[in-house]
């Protein structure tokens, strides 16, 4: 699993790392402004496979009249 360090102001990927610890270590070396979140570590999203589901339609019986 890889982690990306992204500059949120420009949207550029600053680096790709194998572990979150490596990404955090590199992030700490960057310049941080007070009360600003400029850098973000993004973990890859797990791939989801689309499963086919069987759709069973129930036919309504006879309609009741009131």
N, C-alpha and C. Protein backbone atom coordinates (compact mmCIF):
# COMPACT_ATOMS: atom_id res chain seq x y z
N UNK A 1 0.85 -1.16 0.00
CA UNK A 1 0.00 0.00 0.00
C UNK A 1 0.91 1.23 0.00
N UNK A 2 0.61 2.21 -0.84
CA UNK A 2 1.43 3.41 -0.91
C UNK A 2 0.62 4.61 -0.42
N UNK A 3 1.34 5.59 0.07
CA UNK A 3 0.73 6.83 0.56
C UNK A 3 1.30 7.98 -0.23
N UNK A 4 0.45 8.96 -0.55
CA UNK A 4 0.90 10.12 -1.30
C UNK A 4 0.85 11.34 -0.41
N UNK A 5 1.88 12.18 -0.51
CA UNK A 5 1.92 13.45 0.19
C UNK A 5 1.55 14.52 -0.84
N UNK A 6 0.45 15.23 -0.59
CA UNK A 6 -0.10 16.17 -1.56
C UNK A 6 -0.09 17.58 -0.99
N UNK A 7 0.32 18.54 -1.83
CA UNK A 7 0.23 19.96 -1.50
C UNK A 7 -1.19 20.40 -1.83
N UNK A 8 -1.98 20.77 -0.82
CA UNK A 8 -3.38 21.08 -1.04
C UNK A 8 -3.58 22.43 -1.75
N UNK A 9 -2.59 23.31 -1.72
CA UNK A 9 -2.72 24.59 -2.41
C UNK A 9 -2.60 24.42 -3.92
N UNK A 10 -1.65 23.60 -4.35
CA UNK A 10 -1.40 23.43 -5.78
C UNK A 10 -1.96 22.13 -6.34
N UNK A 11 -2.21 21.16 -5.47
CA UNK A 11 -2.72 19.87 -5.92
C UNK A 11 -1.63 18.94 -6.42
N UNK A 12 -0.37 19.32 -6.26
CA UNK A 12 0.74 18.50 -6.72
C UNK A 12 1.05 17.38 -5.73
N UNK A 13 1.46 16.24 -6.26
CA UNK A 13 1.92 15.13 -5.42
C UNK A 13 3.40 15.36 -5.15
N UNK A 14 3.75 15.51 -3.88
CA UNK A 14 5.13 15.79 -3.51
C UNK A 14 5.95 14.51 -3.37
N UNK A 15 5.29 13.39 -3.09
CA UNK A 15 6.01 12.14 -2.95
C UNK A 15 5.07 10.99 -2.73
N UNK A 16 5.57 9.81 -3.03
CA UNK A 16 4.82 8.58 -2.81
C UNK A 16 5.67 7.69 -1.92
N UNK A 17 5.07 7.18 -0.85
CA UNK A 17 5.81 6.43 0.16
C UNK A 17 5.14 5.10 0.43
N UNK A 18 5.92 4.12 0.83
CA UNK A 18 5.41 2.78 1.10
C UNK A 18 4.64 2.69 2.41
N UNK A 19 5.06 3.45 3.42
CA UNK A 19 4.37 3.40 4.71
C UNK A 19 3.92 4.80 5.11
N UNK A 20 2.94 4.84 6.00
CA UNK A 20 2.45 6.13 6.49
C UNK A 20 3.52 6.82 7.33
N UNK A 21 4.33 6.04 8.03
CA UNK A 21 5.39 6.61 8.86
C UNK A 21 6.41 7.38 8.01
N UNK A 22 6.76 6.84 6.84
CA UNK A 22 7.69 7.53 5.95
C UNK A 22 7.08 8.84 5.44
N UNK A 23 5.81 8.82 5.12
CA UNK A 23 5.13 10.01 4.63
C UNK A 23 5.07 11.08 5.72
N UNK A 24 4.76 10.68 6.96
CA UNK A 24 4.72 11.63 8.08
C UNK A 24 6.11 12.21 8.34
N UNK A 25 7.14 11.39 8.24
CA UNK A 25 8.50 11.86 8.46
C UNK A 25 8.87 12.94 7.44
N UNK A 26 8.52 12.73 6.18
CA UNK A 26 8.82 13.72 5.16
C UNK A 26 7.98 14.98 5.35
N UNK A 27 6.72 14.81 5.77
CA UNK A 27 5.84 15.96 5.99
C UNK A 27 6.38 16.86 7.10
N UNK A 28 6.97 16.27 8.13
CA UNK A 28 7.50 17.06 9.24
C UNK A 28 8.67 17.93 8.82
N UNK A 29 9.35 17.55 7.76
CA UNK A 29 10.49 18.32 7.28
C UNK A 29 10.08 19.53 6.45
N UNK A 30 8.81 19.60 6.06
CA UNK A 30 8.33 20.72 5.23
C UNK A 30 7.98 21.92 6.11
N UNK A 31 7.90 23.07 5.48
CA UNK A 31 7.56 24.31 6.18
C UNK A 31 6.05 24.35 6.40
N UNK A 32 5.65 24.56 7.65
CA UNK A 32 4.22 24.64 7.99
C UNK A 32 3.92 26.04 8.50
N UNK A 33 2.86 26.64 7.97
CA UNK A 33 2.40 27.94 8.43
C UNK A 33 1.45 27.74 9.61
N UNK A 34 1.37 28.73 10.47
CA UNK A 34 0.51 28.66 11.64
C UNK A 34 -0.95 28.64 11.20
N UNK A 35 -1.74 27.72 11.75
CA UNK A 35 -3.18 27.57 11.49
C UNK A 35 -3.51 27.30 10.02
N UNK A 36 -2.63 26.66 9.29
CA UNK A 36 -2.90 26.29 7.90
C UNK A 36 -2.62 24.81 7.70
N UNK A 37 -3.45 24.18 6.92
CA UNK A 37 -3.23 22.79 6.55
C UNK A 37 -2.88 22.78 5.08
N UNK A 38 -1.59 22.77 4.79
CA UNK A 38 -1.16 22.83 3.41
C UNK A 38 -0.89 21.44 2.82
N UNK A 39 -0.46 20.52 3.65
CA UNK A 39 -0.08 19.20 3.15
C UNK A 39 -1.03 18.14 3.69
N UNK A 40 -1.28 17.15 2.86
CA UNK A 40 -2.22 16.10 3.23
C UNK A 40 -1.63 14.76 2.80
N UNK A 41 -1.75 13.77 3.66
CA UNK A 41 -1.32 12.42 3.33
C UNK A 41 -2.56 11.63 2.96
N UNK A 42 -2.54 11.09 1.74
CA UNK A 42 -3.69 10.38 1.22
C UNK A 42 -3.35 8.91 1.08
N UNK A 43 -4.15 8.08 1.72
CA UNK A 43 -4.00 6.63 1.60
C UNK A 43 -4.80 6.17 0.40
N UNK A 44 -4.34 5.14 -0.25
CA UNK A 44 -5.09 4.64 -1.41
C UNK A 44 -6.43 4.06 -0.97
N UNK A 45 -7.41 4.26 -1.80
CA UNK A 45 -8.72 3.71 -1.51
C UNK A 45 -8.74 2.26 -1.94
N UNK A 46 -9.30 1.40 -1.13
CA UNK A 46 -9.36 -0.01 -1.52
C UNK A 46 -10.24 -0.17 -2.75
N UNK A 47 -9.78 -1.01 -3.65
CA UNK A 47 -10.56 -1.23 -4.86
C UNK A 47 -11.78 -2.07 -4.52
N UNK A 48 -12.90 -1.62 -5.00
CA UNK A 48 -14.12 -2.37 -4.77
C UNK A 48 -14.55 -2.97 -6.08
N UNK A 49 -14.92 -4.20 -6.03
CA UNK A 49 -15.39 -4.85 -7.24
C UNK A 49 -16.91 -4.79 -7.25
N UNK A 50 -17.40 -4.58 -8.42
CA UNK A 50 -18.85 -4.53 -8.55
C UNK A 50 -19.37 -5.97 -8.61
N UNK A 51 -20.20 -6.28 -7.67
CA UNK A 51 -20.77 -7.61 -7.62
C UNK A 51 -22.14 -7.58 -8.28
N UNK A 52 -22.36 -8.58 -9.06
CA UNK A 52 -23.67 -8.67 -9.69
C UNK A 52 -24.65 -9.24 -8.68
N UNK A 53 -25.74 -8.58 -8.55
CA UNK A 53 -26.75 -9.07 -7.62
C UNK A 53 -27.98 -9.49 -8.42
N UNK A 54 -28.55 -10.54 -7.99
CA UNK A 54 -29.75 -11.03 -8.67
C UNK A 54 -30.94 -10.22 -8.18
N UNK A 55 -31.66 -9.67 -9.11
CA UNK A 55 -32.85 -8.90 -8.77
C UNK A 55 -34.06 -9.78 -9.01
N UNK A 56 -34.78 -9.98 -7.97
CA UNK A 56 -35.98 -10.81 -8.06
C UNK A 56 -37.19 -9.90 -7.96
N UNK A 57 -37.94 -9.91 -9.02
CA UNK A 57 -39.14 -9.08 -9.02
C UNK A 57 -40.32 -9.96 -8.64
N UNK A 58 -41.06 -9.47 -7.69
CA UNK A 58 -42.24 -10.21 -7.28
C UNK A 58 -43.44 -9.69 -8.05
N UNK A 59 -44.13 -10.58 -8.66
CA UNK A 59 -45.33 -10.19 -9.40
C UNK A 59 -46.48 -10.05 -8.40
N UNK A 60 -47.16 -8.93 -8.50
CA UNK A 60 -48.31 -8.74 -7.61
C UNK A 60 -49.41 -9.68 -8.06
N UNK A 61 -50.07 -10.22 -7.08
CA UNK A 61 -51.19 -11.11 -7.37
C UNK A 61 -52.38 -10.28 -7.86
N UNK A 62 -53.51 -10.72 -7.55
CA UNK A 62 -54.70 -10.01 -7.96
C UNK A 62 -54.90 -8.79 -7.10
N UNK A 63 -55.34 -7.73 -7.74
CA UNK A 63 -55.59 -6.51 -6.97
C UNK A 63 -56.93 -6.62 -6.29
N UNK A 64 -56.95 -6.13 -5.08
CA UNK A 64 -58.21 -6.18 -4.33
C UNK A 64 -58.98 -4.90 -4.64
N UNK A 65 -60.25 -5.02 -4.76
CA UNK A 65 -61.08 -3.84 -4.99
C UNK A 65 -61.75 -3.44 -3.68
N UNK A 66 -61.83 -2.16 -3.47
CA UNK A 66 -62.44 -1.66 -2.24
C UNK A 66 -63.88 -1.42 -2.41
